[in-house]
Amino acid sequence: MYLGIRIRKVAWLLPVVVSVLFLAPDVAAQRMALKTNALDYFTLSPNLTLEARLSRRVSLQLGVAANPLSLAVADIRTTNFRVEPEVRYWFNRPMARHFMAVSATAGMCSLRLRDRYFIGDAVAMGVSYGYALVLGTHWNMEAEIGVGLASVRGYYYKGAKNKPIDINFSRILPVPVRFGLSFAYIFK
């Protein structure tokens, strides 16, 4: 299928990020966190993110979220899959207090709103700001918001039988690249 070509072209990024997380020489002695974004559950998208401290003030995280089920809520039906790498600069120390980040997102989605359909993919880059509140020795709560630009393309049509044969929607749009309230467990 033509829509997944860009995602497959970006898919090489996933093994690179995982290799950096697990094969970097200093990561073994550093802190790692496993977290989930509570706001994603409103879109019925279970998600997990792994974050590793790379230096005194820099961390790298890789998140995956998906909604493989097509459940209708208020005449809206959606499915999605996305991968979200992010590099964070911490003003205090990693996994505590204020941070700025450079974020990327690559994903595919299907959306139906009454009789209007959109099936497509997107690649986005942006910057974000966040704050990590230390709740305990191993627990954090993070709030993050970010904006950026996304290249979105796909099929947009009205009526189930009117699907075009070629991509008819391609735009570069300002989007929120990060919007989250996450709970993290920190491994020490």
C-alpha atoms as a PDB file:
ATOM      1  CA  MET A   1       0.000   0.000   0.000  1.00  0.00           C
ATOM      2  CA  TYR A   2       1.320   3.422  -0.991  1.00  0.00           C
ATOM      3  CA  LEU A   3       0.482   5.175   2.313  1.00  0.00           C
ATOM      4  CA  GLY A   4       2.881   3.145   4.410  1.00  0.00           C
ATOM      5  CA  ILE A   5       5.908   3.896   2.224  1.00  0.00           C
ATOM      6  CA  ARG A   6       6.971   6.995   4.203  1.00  0.00           C
ATOM      7  CA  ILE A   7       6.567   5.138   7.491  1.00  0.00           C
ATOM      8  CA  ARG A   8       8.735   2.307   6.164  1.00  0.00           C
ATOM      9  CA  LYS A   9      11.345   4.845   5.018  1.00  0.00           C
ATOM     10  CA  VAL A  10      11.450   6.287   8.554  1.00  0.00           C
ATOM     11  CA  ALA A  11      11.346   2.820  10.165  1.00  0.00           C
ATOM     12  CA  TRP A  12      15.152   2.609  10.119  1.00  0.00           C
ATOM     13  CA  LEU A  13      15.089   5.168  12.934  1.00  0.00           C
ATOM     14  CA  LEU A  14      13.588   2.701  15.432  1.00  0.00           C
ATOM     15  CA  PRO A  15      16.566   0.265  15.535  1.00  0.00           C
ATOM     16  CA  VAL A  16      18.994   3.207  15.704  1.00  0.00           C
ATOM     17  CA  VAL A  17      17.234   4.729  18.718  1.00  0.00           C
ATOM     18  CA  VAL A  18      16.970   1.350  20.472  1.00  0.00           C
ATOM     19  CA  SER A  19      20.678   0.723  19.830  1.00  0.00           C
ATOM     20  CA  VAL A  20      21.612   4.094  21.313  1.00  0.00           C
ATOM     21  CA  LEU A  21      19.449   3.391  24.363  1.00  0.00           C
ATOM     22  CA  PHE A  22      20.842  -0.059  25.068  1.00  0.00           C
ATOM     23  CA  LEU A  23      24.349  -0.059  23.626  1.00  0.00           C
ATOM     24  CA  ALA A  24      25.678   3.335  24.704  1.00  0.00           C
ATOM     25  CA  PRO A  25      28.545   2.743  27.151  1.00  0.00           C
ATOM     26  CA  ASP A  26      27.340   5.102  29.889  1.00  0.00           C
ATOM     27  CA  VAL A  27      23.672   4.142  29.832  1.00  0.00           C
ATOM     28  CA  ALA A  28      24.109   1.008  31.942  1.00  0.00           C
ATOM     29  CA  ALA A  29      25.112   3.052  34.977  1.00  0.00           C
ATOM     30  CA  GLN A  30      22.430   5.676  34.448  1.00  0.00           C
ATOM     31  CA  ARG A  31      18.769   5.943  35.260  1.00  0.00           C
ATOM     32  CA  MET A  32      16.024   4.610  33.030  1.00  0.00           C
ATOM     33  CA  ALA A  33      12.279   5.188  33.223  1.00  0.00           C
ATOM     34  CA  LEU A  34       9.211   3.429  31.892  1.00  0.00           C
ATOM     35  CA  LYS A  35       6.183   5.678  31.499  1.00  0.00           C
ATOM     36  CA  THR A  36       2.705   5.983  30.048  1.00  0.00           C
ATOM     37  CA  ASN A  37       0.747   9.045  28.918  1.00  0.00           C
ATOM     38  CA  ALA A  38      -2.616   9.069  30.696  1.00  0.00           C
ATOM     39  CA  LEU A  39      -4.187  11.475  28.166  1.00  0.00           C
ATOM     40  CA  ASP A  40      -3.677   8.963  25.329  1.00  0.00           C
ATOM     41  CA  TYR A  41      -6.149   6.637  26.999  1.00  0.00           C
ATOM     42  CA  PHE A  42      -8.935   9.127  26.161  1.00  0.00           C
ATOM     43  CA  THR A  43      -8.328   8.226  22.506  1.00  0.00           C
ATOM     44  CA  LEU A  44      -8.218   4.530  23.491  1.00  0.00           C
ATOM     45  CA  SER A  45      -4.495   4.412  22.624  1.00  0.00           C
ATOM     46  CA  PRO A  46      -2.421   2.316  25.033  1.00  0.00           C
ATOM     47  CA  ASN A  47       1.160   3.558  25.080  1.00  0.00           C
ATOM     48  CA  LEU A  48       4.575   2.947  26.602  1.00  0.00           C
ATOM     49  CA  THR A  49       7.697   5.085  26.594  1.00  0.00           C
ATOM     50  CA  LEU A  50      11.233   4.172  27.613  1.00  0.00           C
ATOM     51  CA  GLU A  51      13.564   7.002  28.661  1.00  0.00           C
ATOM     52  CA  ALA A  52      17.292   6.738  29.340  1.00  0.00           C
ATOM     53  CA  ARG A  53      19.667   9.334  30.719  1.00  0.00           C
ATOM     54  CA  LEU A  54      22.579   9.920  28.330  1.00  0.00           C
ATOM     55  CA  SER A  55      24.522  12.583  30.257  1.00  0.00           C
ATOM     56  CA  ARG A  56      24.196  14.976  33.184  1.00  0.00           C
ATOM     57  CA  ARG A  57      21.473  16.975  31.449  1.00  0.00           C
ATOM     58  CA  VAL A  58      20.348  15.006  28.387  1.00  0.00           C
ATOM     59  CA  SER A  59      17.994  12.075  28.074  1.00  0.00           C
ATOM     60  CA  LEU A  60      16.548  10.177  25.140  1.00  0.00           C
ATOM     61  CA  GLN A  61      13.133   8.581  25.030  1.00  0.00           C
ATOM     62  CA  LEU A  62      11.242   6.396  22.598  1.00  0.00           C
ATOM     63  CA  GLY A  63       7.479   6.045  22.817  1.00  0.00           C
ATOM     64  CA  VAL A  64       5.025   3.813  21.002  1.00  0.00           C
ATOM     65  CA  ALA A  65       1.238   4.260  21.003  1.00  0.00           C
ATOM     66  CA  ALA A  66      -1.494   2.437  19.129  1.00  0.00           C
ATOM     67  CA  ASN A  67      -5.243   2.099  18.892  1.00  0.00           C
ATOM     68  CA  PRO A  68      -5.721  -1.029  16.797  1.00  0.00           C
ATOM     69  CA  LEU A  69      -9.439  -1.372  17.617  1.00  0.00           C
ATOM     70  CA  SER A  70     -12.007   0.545  15.646  1.00  0.00           C
ATOM     71  CA  LEU A  71     -14.542   1.481  18.311  1.00  0.00           C
ATOM     72  CA  ALA A  72     -17.173   4.135  17.602  1.00  0.00           C
ATOM     73  CA  VAL A  73     -17.624   6.835  20.256  1.00  0.00           C
ATOM     74  CA  ALA A  74     -20.140   9.647  19.539  1.00  0.00           C
ATOM     75  CA  ASP A  75     -20.189   8.737  15.821  1.00  0.00           C
ATOM     76  CA  ILE A  76     -16.387   9.064  15.606  1.00  0.00           C
ATOM     77  CA  ARG A  77     -14.305   6.015  14.743  1.00  0.00           C
ATOM     78  CA  THR A  78     -10.485   6.102  14.781  1.00  0.00           C
ATOM     79  CA  THR A  79      -7.457   3.819  14.714  1.00  0.00           C
ATOM     80  CA  ASN A  80      -3.814   4.894  14.906  1.00  0.00           C
ATOM     81  CA  PHE A  81      -0.224   3.802  15.375  1.00  0.00           C
ATOM     82  CA  ARG A  82       2.691   6.109  16.116  1.00  0.00           C
ATOM     83  CA  VAL A  83       6.345   6.122  17.154  1.00  0.00           C
ATOM     84  CA  GLU A  84       7.659   9.134  19.086  1.00  0.00           C
ATOM     85  CA  PRO A  85      11.405   9.632  19.714  1.00  0.00           C
ATOM     86  CA  GLU A  86      12.454  12.656  21.756  1.00  0.00           C
ATOM     87  CA  VAL A  87      15.706  14.206  23.022  1.00  0.00           C
ATOM     88  CA  ARG A  88      15.343  16.182  26.256  1.00  0.00           C
ATOM     89  CA  TYR A  89      17.543  18.824  27.850  1.00  0.00           C
ATOM     90  CA  TRP A  90      16.976  19.049  31.618  1.00  0.00           C
ATOM     91  CA  PHE A  91      17.668  22.361  33.371  1.00  0.00           C
ATOM     92  CA  ASN A  92      18.220  20.731  36.778  1.00  0.00           C
ATOM     93  CA  ARG A  93      18.967  17.007  36.456  1.00  0.00           C
ATOM     94  CA  PRO A  94      17.403  14.305  34.285  1.00  0.00           C
ATOM     95  CA  MET A  95      13.915  13.198  35.252  1.00  0.00           C
ATOM     96  CA  ALA A  96      13.322  16.093  37.651  1.00  0.00           C
ATOM     97  CA  ARG A  97      11.824  19.560  37.150  1.00  0.00           C
ATOM     98  CA  HIS A  98      11.938  21.651  33.918  1.00  0.00           C
ATOM     99  CA  PHE A  99      13.016  20.396  30.491  1.00  0.00           C
ATOM    100  CA  MET A 100      12.968  21.396  26.823  1.00  0.00           C
ATOM    101  CA  ALA A 101      12.820  18.791  24.086  1.00  0.00           C
ATOM    102  CA  VAL A 102      13.101  18.213  20.371  1.00  0.00           C
ATOM    103  CA  SER A 103      10.340  15.802  19.395  1.00  0.00           C
ATOM    104  CA  ALA A 104       9.505  13.735  16.354  1.00  0.00           C
ATOM    105  CA  THR A 105       6.435  11.676  15.533  1.00  0.00           C
ATOM    106  CA  ALA A 106       5.709   9.252  12.722  1.00  0.00           C
ATOM    107  CA  GLY A 107       2.343   7.589  12.475  1.00  0.00           C
ATOM    108  CA  MET A 108      -0.567   6.235  10.519  1.00  0.00           C
ATOM    109  CA  CYS A 109      -4.240   6.811  11.230  1.00  0.00           C
ATOM    110  CA  SER A 110      -7.759   6.151  10.071  1.00  0.00           C
ATOM    111  CA  LEU A 111     -10.545   8.541  11.080  1.00  0.00           C
ATOM    112  CA  ARG A 112     -14.278   8.481  10.382  1.00  0.00           C
ATOM    113  CA  LEU A 113     -16.572  11.317  11.410  1.00  0.00           C
ATOM    114  CA  ARG A 114     -20.131  10.441  10.394  1.00  0.00           C
ATOM    115  CA  ASP A 115     -19.833   9.949   6.613  1.00  0.00           C
ATOM    116  CA  ARG A 116     -16.423  11.630   6.158  1.00  0.00           C
ATOM    117  CA  TYR A 117     -13.267   9.499   6.031  1.00  0.00           C
ATOM    118  CA  PHE A 118      -9.537  10.161   6.294  1.00  0.00           C
ATOM    119  CA  ILE A 119      -6.897   7.445   5.976  1.00  0.00           C
ATOM    120  CA  GLY A 120      -3.289   8.584   5.959  1.00  0.00           C
ATOM    121  CA  ASP A 121       0.093   9.026   7.546  1.00  0.00           C
ATOM    122  CA  ALA A 122       2.050  11.868   9.108  1.00  0.00           C
ATOM    123  CA  VAL A 123       5.612  12.793  10.018  1.00  0.00           C
ATOM    124  CA  ALA A 124       6.092  15.677  12.462  1.00  0.00           C
ATOM    125  CA  MET A 125       8.935  17.564  14.182  1.00  0.00           C
ATOM    126  CA  GLY A 126       8.690  20.129  16.930  1.00  0.00           C
ATOM    127  CA  VAL A 127       9.811  21.511  20.267  1.00  0.00           C
ATOM    128  CA  SER A 128       8.209  21.037  23.631  1.00  0.00           C
ATOM    129  CA  TYR A 129       8.432  22.150  27.244  1.00  0.00           C
ATOM    130  CA  GLY A 130       7.667  20.036  30.256  1.00  0.00           C
ATOM    131  CA  TYR A 131       7.949  19.627  33.974  1.00  0.00           C
ATOM    132  CA  ALA A 132       8.610  16.415  35.903  1.00  0.00           C
ATOM    133  CA  LEU A 133       7.271  16.362  39.451  1.00  0.00           C
ATOM    134  CA  VAL A 134       9.089  13.892  41.691  1.00  0.00           C
ATOM    135  CA  LEU A 135       6.465  11.921  43.630  1.00  0.00           C
ATOM    136  CA  GLY A 136       8.816   9.496  45.351  1.00  0.00           C
ATOM    137  CA  THR A 137      12.035   7.544  44.999  1.00  0.00           C
ATOM    138  CA  HIS A 138      10.819   5.669  41.923  1.00  0.00           C
ATOM    139  CA  TRP A 139       7.741   7.626  40.781  1.00  0.00           C
ATOM    140  CA  ASN A 140       7.352  10.802  38.699  1.00  0.00           C
ATOM    141  CA  MET A 141       4.493  12.654  37.092  1.00  0.00           C
ATOM    142  CA  GLU A 142       5.268  14.668  33.943  1.00  0.00           C
ATOM    143  CA  ALA A 143       3.313  17.345  32.124  1.00  0.00           C
ATOM    144  CA  GLU A 144       4.436  18.247  28.601  1.00  0.00           C
ATOM    145  CA  ILE A 145       3.193  20.422  25.757  1.00  0.00           C
ATOM    146  CA  GLY A 146       4.799  21.059  22.378  1.00  0.00           C
ATOM    147  CA  VAL A 147       4.164  22.417  18.903  1.00  0.00           C
ATOM    148  CA  GLY A 148       5.652  21.727  15.515  1.00  0.00           C
ATOM    149  CA  LEU A 149       4.988  21.083  11.844  1.00  0.00           C
ATOM    150  CA  ALA A 150       3.589  17.899  10.350  1.00  0.00           C
ATOM    151  CA  SER A 151       3.595  16.611   6.807  1.00  0.00           C
ATOM    152  CA  VAL A 152       0.206  14.898   6.511  1.00  0.00           C
ATOM    153  CA  ARG A 153      -1.033  13.020   3.473  1.00  0.00           C
ATOM    154  CA  GLY A 154      -3.651  10.484   2.658  1.00  0.00           C
ATOM    155  CA  TYR A 155      -7.112   9.810   1.306  1.00  0.00           C
ATOM    156  CA  TYR A 156      -9.908  12.190   2.273  1.00  0.00           C
ATOM    157  CA  TYR A 157     -13.396  11.399   0.981  1.00  0.00           C
ATOM    158  CA  LYS A 158     -17.103  11.507   1.749  1.00  0.00           C
ATOM    159  CA  GLY A 159     -19.183   8.326   1.678  1.00  0.00           C
ATOM    160  CA  ALA A 160     -17.880   4.785   2.142  1.00  0.00           C
ATOM    161  CA  LYS A 161     -17.972   3.934  -1.587  1.00  0.00           C
ATOM    162  CA  ASN A 162     -16.236   7.081  -2.854  1.00  0.00           C
ATOM    163  CA  LYS A 163     -12.622   6.233  -1.949  1.00  0.00           C
ATOM    164  CA  PRO A 164     -10.240   7.814  -4.478  1.00  0.00           C
ATOM    165  CA  ILE A 165      -7.613   5.653  -6.156  1.00  0.00           C
ATOM    166  CA  ASP A 166      -4.719   8.021  -5.396  1.00  0.00           C
ATOM    167  CA  ILE A 167      -3.728  10.295  -2.511  1.00  0.00           C
ATOM    168  CA  ASN A 168      -5.820  13.466  -2.632  1.00  0.00           C
ATOM    169  CA  PHE A 169      -4.774  15.192   0.597  1.00  0.00           C
ATOM    170  CA  SER A 170      -1.236  16.438   1.249  1.00  0.00           C
ATOM    171  CA  ARG A 171      -0.503  19.339   3.581  1.00  0.00           C
ATOM    172  CA  ILE A 172       2.093  20.733   5.956  1.00  0.00           C
ATOM    173  CA  LEU A 173       0.234  21.803   9.079  1.00  0.00           C
ATOM    174  CA  PRO A 174       1.064  23.256  12.500  1.00  0.00           C
ATOM    175  CA  VAL A 175       0.215  20.573  15.072  1.00  0.00           C
ATOM    176  CA  PRO A 176       0.619  19.840  18.766  1.00  0.00           C
ATOM    177  CA  VAL A 177       3.494  17.330  18.698  1.00  0.00           C
ATOM    178  CA  ARG A 178       3.290  16.701  22.444  1.00  0.00           C
ATOM    179  CA  PHE A 179       0.411  16.962  24.858  1.00  0.00           C
ATOM    180  CA  GLY A 180       0.646  14.719  27.829  1.00  0.00           C
ATOM    181  CA  LEU A 181       0.312  13.935  31.473  1.00  0.00           C
ATOM    182  CA  SER A 182       2.565  10.925  32.070  1.00  0.00           C
ATOM    183  CA  PHE A 183       3.268   8.681  35.030  1.00  0.00           C
ATOM    184  CA  ALA A 184       6.783   7.250  35.172  1.00  0.00           C
ATOM    185  CA  TYR A 185       8.486   4.477  37.085  1.00  0.00           C
ATOM    186  CA  ILE A 186      12.231   5.151  37.433  1.00  0.00           C
ATOM    187  CA  PHE A 187      14.665   2.247  37.648  1.00  0.00           C
ATOM    188  CA  LYS A 188      17.738   3.142  39.731  1.00  0.00           C
END
